[in-house]
Amino acid sequence: MDAEHKTNAVEGVIGYHQRTKHHFHRYARSAGHMDWENQPAPFRFYEGAEAEPLALLSDDPGQGRRDLYQRRIRPPAPLSRANVAGFLQFSLGLSAWKSTGAARWSLRINPSSGNLHPTEAHLLLPPEKNLPSGLFHYNPFLHALERRAQVPDRLWDEVRRHFQTDVFLVALTSIFWRESWKYGERAFRYCQHDAGHALAAAAFSAALFGWRATVLFSQADDQIERLFGFDRLQWPEEEKEHPDLVFAVHPEDRPVAALGISDALVDGFAALPLAGRPSRLSRSPLRWEVIADVAAQTRKPATPTAAPEIESPDFLPDPGTKLAPAAAIRGRRSALDFDPENTLCREDFFAILDKTRPRSETPPFDAGFLEANAHLLIFVHRVDDVDPGLYLFLRDPAQADPLRRSLRKDFLWEPTTPGFPLFLLERGDLRQTAMRLSCHQQIAGAGVFSLGMLVRFEDRLADAAWRYRQLFMETGMIGQVLYLEAESRGVRGTGIGCYFDDAVHQLAGIGGTAYQSLYHFTVGLPVEDPRLQTEPPYFHLDGARGAGKNRRTP
């Protein structure tokens, strides 16, 4: 890509970002109504592909309270199909069904904007006894692998020799139409959030088995498409799956990221005959030209892999969680309403923030997001022994100076406790301000705290427009940490994609685009809706499948 092309792509991405900001007087462009007859189907099937049902785990993996952040299983669990099934169950599978009246909808382990789930997963799995290696699409509705191609043993032997360890590969893709149906032009942002949510969910799930998920950042989007056969599929109009990233899951701390996937391996997989065709999701999907443009401008080329050197701080002393990791993963929900009187103890508040810091050899950020570009601008409402007000949490304290220069000069910058990078900027009751900035949503002020993620923006894009996607993915990974930390401590979180971008920047004193707010989040004690009924995640399947609670939908 020449310099002029790179410059034009960066300018196009910044133009998209500015165009899709919400303002008090104008929201980003969308359809303006909910076309329920045209709503995308929540699940994609690969029609004509053989489905291989996966067993459901009868026992939870990872019982220790900190197993999310430590790979305690030694030796790691084998990369068997049964364990891969468990990995998928606790990363991209269903978590429950909800219903009210005649309406029923599913919830998933990985969060999604509006519960629309644009993210799909495809796997390259090794052979096992009577099961040949293959290229699969994961179908969470069936909890099954849809076989798209059989991989010859000799080709998989090359994979293992290349990576010098046992490994399987997972590609995440996004269907932009699933989000743009509701959110219009802003949908491209939310798809990147959801890719980050899904990656973090996968990294946490892998840790429960003693495995590690490692993003192969060197790969170009073109290589991912050839490796997984996306370039040879006839996609339904406007429902194409766009590659987000590919990651390796492996049981050892090998330098798989530096190895990447060679062109020779890509060529081998690109020659495999494919089975199955992607199902249609909507009767008449709409084309959003601005999304097609930004998708083209952010296509990722092949790039060198450079792992950043970071200091890994010790975890803060933690009062402990109420749930084991698997229970927190399975029970994660997005709250719809909060108890406005509930409080959170100071120790839990600090521990939640502390878990968002990237640490080497620690999920989820050791999947490849160790460089902290996002910091947390926090509205504290009701945290015991913490003054209400506006705070800044530095996920990388070394970035304090440029942030000080970029934010309002009258901020206090009072440290809350020695050695912990949480600073009080302004005292006061900011509940109304938090609600107003988050598109007047009450949930941003009714919880115990809410926040916006301030992200290094202008210099991170520079001549690499594709990093725009990764900045949103990083915030999505932070969101998944916040979801699970809140859930495990008896409260609940909710991601907020609707906020008034420049009003947040004005509050913080940010001019220009050195920093931008890319995601909001809120935490509190949920108020449950008694009208909603809950059913088990796989009650609709025939037979026990290892869970003993399933039955077919009436």
Protein backbone atom coordinates (compact mmCIF):
# COMPACT_ATOMS: atom_id res chain seq x y z
CA MET A 1 0.00 0.00 0.00
CA ASP A 2 1.58 3.29 -1.07
CA ALA A 3 1.85 6.39 1.14
CA GLU A 4 -0.94 8.25 -0.65
CA HIS A 5 -3.30 5.31 -0.30
CA LYS A 6 -2.48 5.03 3.42
CA THR A 7 -3.10 8.73 3.94
CA ASN A 8 -6.43 8.59 2.11
CA ALA A 9 -7.49 5.56 4.16
CA VAL A 10 -6.67 7.31 7.46
CA GLU A 11 -8.53 10.43 6.37
CA GLY A 12 -11.49 8.28 5.37
CA VAL A 13 -11.53 6.50 8.74
CA ILE A 14 -11.37 9.75 10.69
CA GLY A 15 -14.12 11.11 8.45
CA TYR A 16 -16.26 8.05 9.24
CA HIS A 17 -15.60 8.46 12.96
CA GLN A 18 -16.61 12.13 12.93
CA ARG A 19 -19.66 11.43 10.78
CA THR A 20 -20.95 8.71 13.12
CA LYS A 21 -20.77 10.70 16.34
CA HIS A 22 -23.97 11.30 18.27
CA HIS A 23 -24.75 14.94 19.16
CA PHE A 24 -27.37 16.49 21.41
CA HIS A 25 -29.12 17.90 18.34
CA ARG A 26 -28.46 14.98 15.96
CA TYR A 27 -27.87 11.27 16.26
CA ALA A 28 -25.76 9.31 13.78
CA ARG A 29 -27.78 8.27 10.73
CA SER A 30 -29.83 5.08 10.99
CA ALA A 31 -32.99 3.71 9.41
CA GLY A 32 -35.02 5.66 11.96
CA HIS A 33 -37.41 2.80 12.65
CA MET A 34 -37.35 -0.88 13.54
CA ASP A 35 -38.18 -2.95 10.45
CA TRP A 36 -39.20 -6.08 12.31
CA GLU A 37 -40.12 -7.97 9.14
CA ASN A 38 -36.55 -7.52 7.94
CA GLN A 39 -34.77 -8.30 11.24
CA PRO A 40 -31.71 -10.51 10.62
CA ALA A 41 -31.94 -14.10 11.85
CA PRO A 42 -29.92 -14.45 15.08
CA PHE A 43 -28.11 -17.60 13.87
CA ARG A 44 -26.28 -18.41 10.67
CA PHE A 45 -26.29 -21.97 9.35
CA TYR A 46 -24.00 -23.39 6.69
CA GLU A 47 -26.63 -25.20 4.65
CA GLY A 48 -25.50 -28.52 3.21
CA ALA A 49 -22.60 -28.86 5.65
CA GLU A 50 -22.59 -31.89 7.94
CA ALA A 51 -23.20 -30.86 11.57
CA GLU A 52 -21.12 -32.57 14.25
CA PRO A 53 -22.94 -32.22 17.62
CA LEU A 54 -20.75 -31.26 20.55
CA ALA A 55 -21.13 -32.56 24.09
CA LEU A 56 -22.07 -30.17 26.87
CA LEU A 57 -19.83 -30.24 29.95
CA SER A 58 -21.47 -31.71 33.02
CA ASP A 59 -18.87 -30.19 35.38
CA ASP A 60 -17.55 -26.64 35.39
CA PRO A 61 -13.88 -26.19 34.46
CA GLY A 62 -11.66 -23.96 36.62
CA GLN A 63 -12.90 -23.91 40.21
CA GLY A 64 -10.42 -21.43 41.75
CA ARG A 65 -11.61 -17.88 42.31
CA ARG A 66 -8.78 -16.44 40.19
CA ASP A 67 -8.68 -19.06 37.45
CA LEU A 68 -9.78 -16.41 34.95
CA TYR A 69 -6.43 -14.69 35.36
CA GLN A 70 -4.16 -17.67 36.01
CA ARG A 71 -3.70 -20.89 34.06
CA ARG A 72 -3.72 -23.19 37.05
CA ILE A 73 -4.29 -26.44 35.15
CA ARG A 74 -0.98 -28.31 34.92
CA PRO A 75 -0.54 -30.07 32.66
CA PRO A 76 -2.94 -28.27 30.32
CA ALA A 77 -5.98 -30.20 29.17
CA PRO A 78 -5.48 -32.03 25.85
CA LEU A 79 -6.86 -30.38 22.71
CA SER A 80 -9.54 -33.05 22.40
CA ARG A 81 -12.86 -32.46 20.66
CA ALA A 82 -14.61 -32.75 24.04
CA ASN A 83 -12.44 -29.98 25.49
CA VAL A 84 -12.84 -27.84 22.38
CA ALA A 85 -16.59 -28.26 22.89
CA GLY A 86 -16.19 -26.97 26.45
CA PHE A 87 -14.05 -24.08 25.26
CA LEU A 88 -16.79 -23.05 22.80
CA GLN A 89 -19.55 -23.60 25.38
CA PHE A 90 -17.86 -21.12 27.75
CA SER A 91 -16.85 -18.56 25.14
CA LEU A 92 -19.29 -18.34 22.23
CA GLY A 93 -22.17 -20.60 23.24
CA LEU A 94 -25.63 -19.84 24.60
CA SER A 95 -26.10 -18.86 28.24
CA ALA A 96 -29.92 -18.85 28.53
CA TRP A 97 -33.22 -18.20 26.80
CA LYS A 98 -35.55 -15.41 27.87
CA SER A 99 -39.23 -15.16 27.10
CA THR A 100 -42.24 -13.00 27.77
CA GLY A 101 -45.61 -13.81 26.30
CA ALA A 102 -45.09 -15.27 22.83
CA ALA A 103 -41.64 -13.71 22.39
CA ARG A 104 -38.52 -15.77 23.06
CA TRP A 105 -34.86 -14.90 22.47
CA SER A 106 -31.48 -16.35 23.34
CA LEU A 107 -28.61 -14.89 25.34
CA ARG A 108 -24.99 -15.79 24.72
CA ILE A 109 -21.81 -16.08 26.75
CA ASN A 110 -20.14 -13.31 24.70
CA PRO A 111 -21.77 -9.87 24.99
CA SER A 112 -23.15 -8.04 21.97
CA SER A 113 -24.52 -4.60 21.22
CA GLY A 114 -28.30 -4.87 21.32
CA ASN A 115 -27.95 -8.68 21.64
CA LEU A 116 -27.65 -8.72 17.83
CA HIS A 117 -24.44 -10.81 17.64
CA PRO A 118 -22.66 -9.91 14.40
CA THR A 119 -19.68 -12.14 15.35
CA GLU A 120 -19.29 -15.60 13.81
CA ALA A 121 -16.53 -18.15 14.54
CA HIS A 122 -14.76 -20.61 12.25
CA LEU A 123 -12.25 -23.22 13.44
CA LEU A 124 -9.43 -25.30 12.02
CA LEU A 125 -9.21 -28.36 14.28
CA PRO A 126 -6.63 -31.19 14.49
CA PRO A 127 -7.52 -34.85 13.91
CA GLU A 128 -8.56 -37.07 16.81
CA LYS A 129 -8.96 -40.86 16.68
CA ASN A 130 -11.91 -41.42 14.33
CA LEU A 131 -12.44 -37.68 13.77
CA PRO A 132 -10.45 -36.18 10.90
CA SER A 133 -9.11 -32.66 11.07
CA GLY A 134 -11.30 -30.09 9.43
CA LEU A 135 -12.50 -26.57 8.76
CA PHE A 136 -15.69 -25.83 10.69
CA HIS A 137 -18.24 -23.13 11.38
CA TYR A 138 -19.39 -23.05 15.00
CA ASN A 139 -23.17 -23.02 15.28
CA PRO A 140 -24.10 -21.87 18.82
CA PHE A 141 -27.81 -22.66 18.35
CA LEU A 142 -27.00 -26.33 17.78
CA HIS A 143 -23.77 -26.27 19.81
CA ALA A 144 -22.33 -28.06 16.81
CA LEU A 145 -19.49 -27.84 14.31
CA GLU A 146 -20.61 -27.52 10.71
CA ARG A 147 -17.90 -29.15 8.60
CA ARG A 148 -16.95 -26.92 5.68
CA ALA A 149 -13.89 -28.91 4.59
CA GLN A 150 -11.88 -31.97 5.55
CA VAL A 151 -8.19 -31.32 6.09
CA PRO A 152 -5.72 -34.03 4.99
CA ASP A 153 -3.53 -35.36 7.80
CA ARG A 154 -0.38 -34.39 5.92
CA LEU A 155 -1.52 -30.75 5.82
CA TRP A 156 -2.27 -30.77 9.54
CA ASP A 157 1.15 -32.30 10.19
CA GLU A 158 2.59 -29.23 8.46
CA VAL A 159 0.56 -27.00 10.78
CA ARG A 160 1.96 -28.72 13.85
CA ARG A 161 5.54 -28.61 12.55
CA HIS A 162 5.13 -24.95 11.72
CA PHE A 163 3.89 -23.93 15.19
CA GLN A 164 6.05 -26.50 17.00
CA THR A 165 3.19 -27.32 19.36
CA ASP A 166 -0.38 -28.66 19.43
CA VAL A 167 -2.70 -25.92 18.25
CA PHE A 168 -6.08 -25.11 16.76
CA LEU A 169 -7.04 -21.92 14.96
CA VAL A 170 -10.13 -19.72 15.31
CA ALA A 171 -11.22 -16.92 12.98
CA LEU A 172 -13.73 -14.32 14.10
CA THR A 173 -15.82 -12.58 11.47
CA SER A 174 -18.43 -9.81 11.51
CA ILE A 175 -21.72 -9.51 9.63
CA PHE A 176 -22.21 -5.74 9.55
CA TRP A 177 -25.87 -6.00 8.53
CA ARG A 178 -26.76 -7.64 11.84
CA GLU A 179 -25.90 -4.35 13.61
CA SER A 180 -26.74 -1.81 10.90
CA TRP A 181 -30.31 -3.14 10.79
CA LYS A 182 -30.82 -1.32 14.10
CA TYR A 183 -27.91 1.11 14.49
CA GLY A 184 -27.29 2.29 10.92
CA GLU A 185 -23.97 3.97 10.17
CA ARG A 186 -22.59 3.59 13.70
CA ALA A 187 -22.86 -0.20 13.43
CA PHE A 188 -19.28 -0.68 12.19
CA ARG A 189 -18.07 0.56 15.58
CA TYR A 190 -20.24 -1.91 17.46
CA CYS A 191 -19.08 -4.86 15.37
CA GLN A 192 -15.50 -4.13 16.47
CA HIS A 193 -16.61 -3.91 20.12
CA ASP A 194 -18.24 -7.29 19.76
CA ALA A 195 -15.12 -8.84 18.21
CA GLY A 196 -13.24 -7.64 21.30
CA HIS A 197 -15.93 -9.06 23.58
CA ALA A 198 -15.68 -12.41 21.80
CA LEU A 199 -11.86 -12.48 21.86
CA ALA A 200 -11.80 -11.79 25.61
CA ALA A 201 -14.46 -14.44 26.18
CA ALA A 202 -12.31 -16.92 24.24
CA ALA A 203 -9.14 -15.98 26.15
CA PHE A 204 -10.90 -16.49 29.49
CA SER A 205 -12.45 -19.78 28.40
CA ALA A 206 -9.08 -21.05 27.14
CA ALA A 207 -7.53 -20.27 30.52
CA LEU A 208 -10.04 -22.58 32.23
CA PHE A 209 -8.43 -25.46 30.32
CA GLY A 210 -4.85 -24.31 30.90
CA TRP A 211 -4.62 -23.03 27.32
CA ARG A 212 -3.66 -19.70 25.86
CA ALA A 213 -5.31 -17.78 23.02
CA THR A 214 -2.85 -15.79 20.90
CA VAL A 215 -3.90 -13.43 18.11
CA LEU A 216 -1.83 -13.83 14.95
CA PHE A 217 -1.63 -10.10 14.30
CA SER A 218 0.78 -10.41 11.39
CA GLN A 219 -1.88 -11.93 9.14
CA ALA A 220 -3.54 -9.87 6.44
CA ASP A 221 -7.30 -9.98 6.01
CA ASP A 222 -6.69 -11.48 2.56
CA GLN A 223 -4.72 -14.34 4.15
CA ILE A 224 -7.48 -15.05 6.68
CA GLU A 225 -10.06 -15.14 3.88
CA ARG A 226 -7.98 -17.60 1.84
CA LEU A 227 -7.11 -19.76 4.87
CA PHE A 228 -10.77 -20.18 5.88
CA GLY A 229 -12.21 -20.19 2.37
CA PHE A 230 -14.20 -16.98 2.72
CA ASP A 231 -12.93 -15.74 -0.65
CA ARG A 232 -14.54 -18.73 -2.39
CA LEU A 233 -18.02 -18.47 -0.90
CA GLN A 234 -21.09 -17.04 -2.59
CA TRP A 235 -22.33 -14.70 0.14
CA PRO A 236 -25.95 -13.56 0.39
CA GLU A 237 -26.14 -9.95 -0.72
CA GLU A 238 -25.01 -7.51 2.01
CA GLU A 239 -24.57 -10.41 4.48
CA LYS A 240 -20.91 -11.21 3.90
CA GLU A 241 -18.73 -12.16 6.88
CA HIS A 242 -15.76 -9.79 7.14
CA PRO A 243 -12.59 -11.12 8.82
CA ASP A 244 -11.84 -9.58 12.22
CA LEU A 245 -8.80 -11.62 13.27
CA VAL A 246 -7.43 -15.12 13.66
CA PHE A 247 -6.05 -16.55 16.89
CA ALA A 248 -4.30 -19.75 17.87
CA VAL A 249 -5.29 -21.74 20.94
CA HIS A 250 -2.39 -23.73 22.32
CA PRO A 251 -1.41 -25.41 25.60
CA GLU A 252 2.12 -24.04 25.86
CA ASP A 253 3.67 -20.59 26.00
CA ARG A 254 5.23 -20.88 22.56
CA PRO A 255 5.96 -17.85 20.34
CA VAL A 256 3.13 -18.68 17.96
CA ALA A 257 2.36 -15.01 17.28
CA ALA A 258 5.82 -14.45 15.83
CA LEU A 259 5.44 -17.54 13.63
CA GLY A 260 2.11 -16.48 12.19
CA ILE A 261 0.71 -18.56 9.35
CA SER A 262 3.03 -19.04 6.39
CA ASP A 263 1.97 -18.40 2.81
CA ALA A 264 2.66 -22.08 2.08
CA LEU A 265 0.11 -23.15 4.72
CA VAL A 266 -2.41 -20.63 3.43
CA ASP A 267 -1.97 -22.01 -0.08
CA GLY A 268 -2.53 -25.55 1.22
CA PHE A 269 -5.81 -24.67 2.89
CA ALA A 270 -6.92 -22.46 0.00
CA ALA A 271 -6.91 -25.52 -2.27
CA LEU A 272 -9.37 -27.54 -0.13
CA PRO A 273 -12.85 -28.22 -1.58
CA LEU A 274 -15.56 -26.55 0.49
CA ALA A 275 -18.99 -27.74 1.58
CA GLY A 276 -21.98 -25.72 2.74
CA ARG A 277 -23.34 -22.32 1.84
CA PRO A 278 -24.05 -19.49 4.31
CA SER A 279 -27.74 -19.08 5.08
CA ARG A 280 -29.62 -15.92 4.29
CA LEU A 281 -30.42 -13.76 7.33
CA SER A 282 -32.93 -11.19 6.04
CA ARG A 283 -35.47 -10.82 3.30
CA SER A 284 -34.04 -7.53 2.04
CA PRO A 285 -30.88 -6.26 3.79
CA LEU A 286 -29.97 -2.61 3.29
CA ARG A 287 -26.60 -1.43 2.02
CA TRP A 288 -24.90 1.31 4.02
CA GLU A 289 -22.27 2.79 1.71
CA VAL A 290 -20.41 4.50 4.54
CA ILE A 291 -19.91 1.13 6.26
CA ALA A 292 -18.74 -0.50 3.03
CA ASP A 293 -16.27 2.37 2.60
CA VAL A 294 -14.81 2.22 6.12
CA ALA A 295 -14.60 -1.57 5.89
CA ALA A 296 -12.49 -1.20 2.74
CA GLN A 297 -10.35 1.54 4.28
CA THR A 298 -9.58 -0.57 7.36
CA ARG A 299 -8.60 -3.75 5.53
CA LYS A 300 -5.51 -5.05 7.29
CA PRO A 301 -2.35 -5.85 5.31
CA ALA A 302 0.33 -8.29 6.43
CA THR A 303 2.38 -6.59 9.17
CA PRO A 304 5.37 -7.46 11.34
CA THR A 305 4.59 -8.81 14.80
CA ALA A 306 6.18 -6.86 17.64
CA ALA A 307 5.24 -7.90 21.17
CA PRO A 308 5.42 -4.84 23.46
CA GLU A 309 7.49 -5.00 26.61
CA ILE A 310 5.32 -4.06 29.59
CA GLU A 311 5.62 -3.99 33.33
CA SER A 312 3.16 -6.40 34.91
CA PRO A 313 2.05 -5.02 38.28
CA ASP A 314 1.03 -7.37 41.04
CA PHE A 315 -2.71 -7.73 41.55
CA LEU A 316 -4.21 -5.65 44.33
CA PRO A 317 -5.29 -7.51 47.46
CA ASP A 318 -8.76 -8.72 46.59
CA PRO A 319 -11.66 -9.28 49.02
CA GLY A 320 -12.70 -12.23 46.86
CA THR A 321 -15.56 -12.97 44.54
CA LYS A 322 -18.96 -14.52 45.13
CA LEU A 323 -18.85 -16.82 42.10
CA ALA A 324 -16.35 -19.24 40.62
CA PRO A 325 -15.17 -18.24 37.12
CA ALA A 326 -17.36 -20.65 35.14
CA ALA A 327 -20.45 -19.54 37.07
CA ALA A 328 -19.65 -15.88 36.41
CA ILE A 329 -19.11 -16.60 32.70
CA ARG A 330 -22.36 -18.54 32.45
CA GLY A 331 -24.34 -16.01 34.50
CA ARG A 332 -23.15 -12.85 32.73
CA ARG A 333 -26.02 -10.64 31.61
CA SER A 334 -26.49 -7.03 30.55
CA ALA A 335 -28.54 -5.24 33.19
CA LEU A 336 -31.54 -3.22 32.05
CA ASP A 337 -32.24 -1.39 35.30
CA PHE A 338 -30.36 -0.68 38.55
CA ASP A 339 -31.26 -0.19 42.19
CA PRO A 340 -30.44 3.52 42.73
CA GLU A 341 -29.73 3.01 46.45
CA ASN A 342 -27.21 0.19 46.29
CA THR A 343 -23.52 0.80 47.04
CA LEU A 344 -20.28 -1.02 46.21
CA CYS A 345 -17.45 -1.47 48.69
CA ARG A 346 -14.20 0.37 47.98
CA GLU A 347 -12.15 -2.85 47.82
CA ASP A 348 -14.40 -4.39 45.17
CA PHE A 349 -14.34 -1.16 43.15
CA PHE A 350 -10.54 -1.06 43.15
CA ALA A 351 -10.29 -4.78 42.36
CA ILE A 352 -12.63 -4.43 39.37
CA LEU A 353 -10.53 -1.60 37.93
CA ASP A 354 -7.30 -3.42 38.65
CA LYS A 355 -8.36 -6.40 36.51
CA THR A 356 -8.62 -4.16 33.43
CA ARG A 357 -4.83 -3.56 33.42
CA PRO A 358 -2.88 -5.59 30.85
CA ARG A 359 -0.38 -8.04 32.33
CA SER A 360 2.00 -10.46 30.67
CA GLU A 361 0.94 -14.12 30.86
CA THR A 362 -2.48 -13.02 32.12
CA PRO A 363 -5.78 -13.37 30.23
CA PRO A 364 -7.40 -11.79 28.43
CA PHE A 365 -4.96 -9.10 27.26
CA ASP A 366 -2.03 -11.47 26.78
CA ALA A 367 -3.95 -12.67 23.72
CA GLY A 368 -2.19 -9.75 22.03
CA PHE A 369 -3.55 -6.50 23.49
CA LEU A 370 -0.82 -5.75 26.05
CA GLU A 371 -0.33 -2.16 24.95
CA ALA A 372 -2.84 -0.02 26.85
CA ASN A 373 -4.41 2.56 24.55
CA ALA A 374 -7.64 2.97 26.54
CA HIS A 375 -8.04 4.64 29.94
CA LEU A 376 -11.16 4.94 32.06
CA LEU A 377 -12.93 8.23 32.76
CA ILE A 378 -15.12 7.22 35.70
CA PHE A 379 -18.26 8.75 37.20
CA VAL A 380 -18.32 7.46 40.78
CA HIS A 381 -21.85 7.64 42.20
CA ARG A 382 -22.05 5.36 45.25
CA VAL A 383 -18.83 3.59 46.25
CA ASP A 384 -18.18 3.27 49.99
CA ASP A 385 -15.37 5.54 51.22
CA VAL A 386 -14.84 7.04 47.77
CA ASP A 387 -16.05 10.60 47.19
CA PRO A 388 -18.62 10.98 44.41
CA GLY A 389 -17.06 12.67 41.42
CA LEU A 390 -15.08 12.29 38.24
CA TYR A 391 -12.00 10.05 38.25
CA LEU A 392 -9.40 8.82 35.79
CA PHE A 393 -7.97 5.31 35.91
CA LEU A 394 -4.72 4.92 33.99
CA ARG A 395 -4.40 1.41 32.61
CA ASP A 396 -0.78 2.37 31.89
CA PRO A 397 0.58 4.91 34.42
CA ALA A 398 3.44 5.77 32.06
CA GLN A 399 0.92 7.64 29.90
CA ALA A 400 -0.01 10.12 32.65
CA ASP A 401 1.89 13.09 31.21
CA PRO A 402 0.29 13.21 27.74
CA LEU A 403 -3.13 12.74 29.32
CA ARG A 404 -2.52 15.60 31.77
CA ARG A 405 -1.60 17.84 28.85
CA SER A 406 -4.75 16.84 26.96
CA LEU A 407 -7.32 17.15 29.76
CA ARG A 408 -8.73 20.18 31.55
CA LYS A 409 -6.16 22.27 33.40
CA ASP A 410 -8.37 22.69 36.49
CA PHE A 411 -8.61 18.97 37.25
CA LEU A 412 -7.33 17.99 40.72
CA TRP A 413 -5.36 14.81 39.86
CA GLU A 414 -5.51 13.68 43.48
CA PRO A 415 -4.29 10.06 43.92
CA THR A 416 -6.84 7.90 45.72
CA THR A 417 -4.32 5.49 47.25
CA PRO A 418 -0.51 5.18 47.00
CA GLY A 419 0.74 3.18 44.04
CA PHE A 420 -2.67 2.73 42.39
CA PRO A 421 -3.26 4.80 39.21
CA LEU A 422 -6.75 6.09 40.09
CA PHE A 423 -6.98 9.88 40.32
CA LEU A 424 -9.78 12.15 41.48
CA LEU A 425 -10.31 14.87 38.88
CA GLU A 426 -13.42 16.63 40.24
CA ARG A 427 -15.68 16.12 43.27
CA GLY A 428 -19.44 16.26 42.99
CA ASP A 429 -22.67 14.45 42.22
CA LEU A 430 -22.43 13.74 38.50
CA ARG A 431 -25.30 11.31 38.11
CA GLN A 432 -27.29 13.65 35.88
CA THR A 433 -24.19 14.44 33.84
CA ALA A 434 -23.45 10.74 33.32
CA MET A 435 -27.01 10.10 32.17
CA ARG A 436 -27.04 13.11 29.87
CA LEU A 437 -23.76 12.16 28.19
CA SER A 438 -24.91 8.55 27.66
CA CYS A 439 -27.84 9.55 25.47
CA HIS A 440 -29.99 10.41 28.51
CA GLN A 441 -30.03 6.76 29.64
CA GLN A 442 -30.98 6.48 33.31
CA ILE A 443 -28.84 3.38 33.78
CA ALA A 444 -25.66 5.48 33.50
CA GLY A 445 -26.60 7.40 36.65
CA ALA A 446 -28.51 4.78 38.63
CA GLY A 447 -25.60 2.38 39.10
CA VAL A 448 -22.69 2.58 41.51
CA PHE A 449 -20.37 3.91 38.82
CA SER A 450 -20.23 4.43 35.07
CA LEU A 451 -17.38 5.26 32.75
CA GLY A 452 -16.20 6.22 29.30
CA MET A 453 -13.07 4.78 27.70
CA LEU A 454 -10.67 7.50 26.52
CA VAL A 455 -8.46 6.06 23.79
CA ARG A 456 -5.24 7.25 22.16
CA PHE A 457 -6.59 7.90 18.72
CA GLU A 458 -4.81 10.18 16.29
CA ASP A 459 -1.26 8.90 16.77
CA ARG A 460 -2.38 5.26 16.84
CA LEU A 461 -3.94 5.57 13.40
CA ALA A 462 -1.09 7.60 11.88
CA ASP A 463 -0.48 5.68 8.62
CA ALA A 464 -2.34 2.52 9.71
CA ALA A 465 -6.09 2.95 9.27
CA TRP A 466 -6.69 -0.73 10.16
CA ARG A 467 -5.79 0.03 13.78
CA TYR A 468 -9.16 1.76 14.05
CA ARG A 469 -10.71 -1.69 14.37
CA GLN A 470 -8.22 -2.78 17.01
CA LEU A 471 -8.86 0.27 19.20
CA PHE A 472 -12.53 -0.66 19.42
CA MET A 473 -11.62 -4.31 20.00
CA GLU A 474 -9.44 -3.28 22.95
CA THR A 475 -12.37 -1.45 24.53
CA GLY A 476 -14.57 -4.50 23.93
CA MET A 477 -12.06 -6.66 25.79
CA ILE A 478 -12.11 -4.20 28.70
CA GLY A 479 -15.89 -4.40 28.62
CA GLN A 480 -15.84 -8.18 28.97
CA VAL A 481 -13.51 -7.89 31.99
CA LEU A 482 -15.91 -5.40 33.57
CA TYR A 483 -18.88 -7.67 32.83
CA LEU A 484 -17.29 -10.70 34.51
CA GLU A 485 -15.81 -8.80 37.43
CA ALA A 486 -19.15 -7.18 38.19
CA GLU A 487 -21.01 -10.48 37.86
CA SER A 488 -18.59 -12.30 40.14
CA ARG A 489 -19.04 -9.64 42.86
CA GLY A 490 -22.82 -9.69 43.04
CA VAL A 491 -23.48 -6.69 40.82
CA ARG A 492 -23.90 -6.44 37.06
CA GLY A 493 -22.60 -4.43 34.12
CA THR A 494 -23.96 -3.03 30.88
CA GLY A 495 -22.06 -1.76 27.88
CA ILE A 496 -23.30 1.54 26.44
CA GLY A 497 -22.64 2.31 22.79
CA CYS A 498 -24.93 5.34 22.65
CA TYR A 499 -23.26 8.47 24.03
CA PHE A 500 -22.64 12.02 22.87
CA ASP A 501 -19.03 11.75 21.75
CA ASP A 502 -17.91 15.37 21.68
CA ALA A 503 -19.87 16.30 24.78
CA VAL A 504 -17.77 13.73 26.65
CA HIS A 505 -14.63 15.26 25.16
CA GLN A 506 -15.79 18.75 26.17
CA LEU A 507 -16.35 17.60 29.76
CA ALA A 508 -12.81 16.20 29.83
CA GLY A 509 -11.32 19.23 28.09
CA ILE A 510 -10.21 17.26 25.04
CA GLY A 511 -9.78 19.20 21.81
CA GLY A 512 -9.01 17.64 18.45
CA THR A 513 -8.67 13.88 18.05
CA ALA A 514 -5.61 13.01 20.16
CA TYR A 515 -8.02 11.07 22.41
CA GLN A 516 -11.55 9.88 21.71
CA SER A 517 -14.20 8.18 23.81
CA LEU A 518 -14.95 4.84 22.15
CA TYR A 519 -17.14 2.93 24.61
CA HIS A 520 -19.18 3.56 27.78
CA PHE A 521 -20.03 1.15 30.57
CA THR A 522 -22.02 1.14 33.79
CA VAL A 523 -22.16 -1.13 36.86
CA GLY A 524 -24.78 -1.53 39.58
CA LEU A 525 -27.16 -3.87 41.39
CA PRO A 526 -29.66 -5.13 38.81
CA VAL A 527 -33.41 -4.89 39.21
CA GLU A 528 -34.89 -7.97 37.56
CA ASP A 529 -37.99 -7.76 35.38
CA PRO A 530 -40.51 -10.24 36.88
CA ARG A 531 -42.27 -10.57 33.52
CA LEU A 532 -39.27 -12.38 31.99
CA GLN A 533 -39.01 -16.15 32.16
CA THR A 534 -35.64 -17.91 31.94
CA GLU A 535 -34.94 -21.30 30.37
CA PRO A 536 -31.68 -23.29 30.10
CA PRO A 537 -29.40 -22.52 27.16
CA TYR A 538 -29.88 -25.81 25.28
CA PHE A 539 -33.37 -26.82 26.36
CA HIS A 540 -34.38 -26.80 22.69
CA LEU A 541 -32.11 -29.72 21.72
CA ASP A 542 -33.07 -33.38 21.71
CA GLY A 543 -31.44 -35.69 24.26
CA ALA A 544 -29.23 -34.96 27.22
CA ARG A 545 -26.03 -34.13 25.26
CA GLY A 546 -24.21 -34.33 28.61
CA ALA A 547 -26.35 -31.75 30.41
CA GLY A 548 -29.51 -33.60 31.41
CA LYS A 549 -31.78 -30.56 31.12
CA ASN A 550 -32.53 -30.29 27.41
CA ARG A 551 -35.80 -30.77 25.63
CA ARG A 552 -37.28 -29.64 22.35
CA THR A 553 -39.16 -26.35 22.10
CA PRO A 554 -42.91 -27.02 22.30
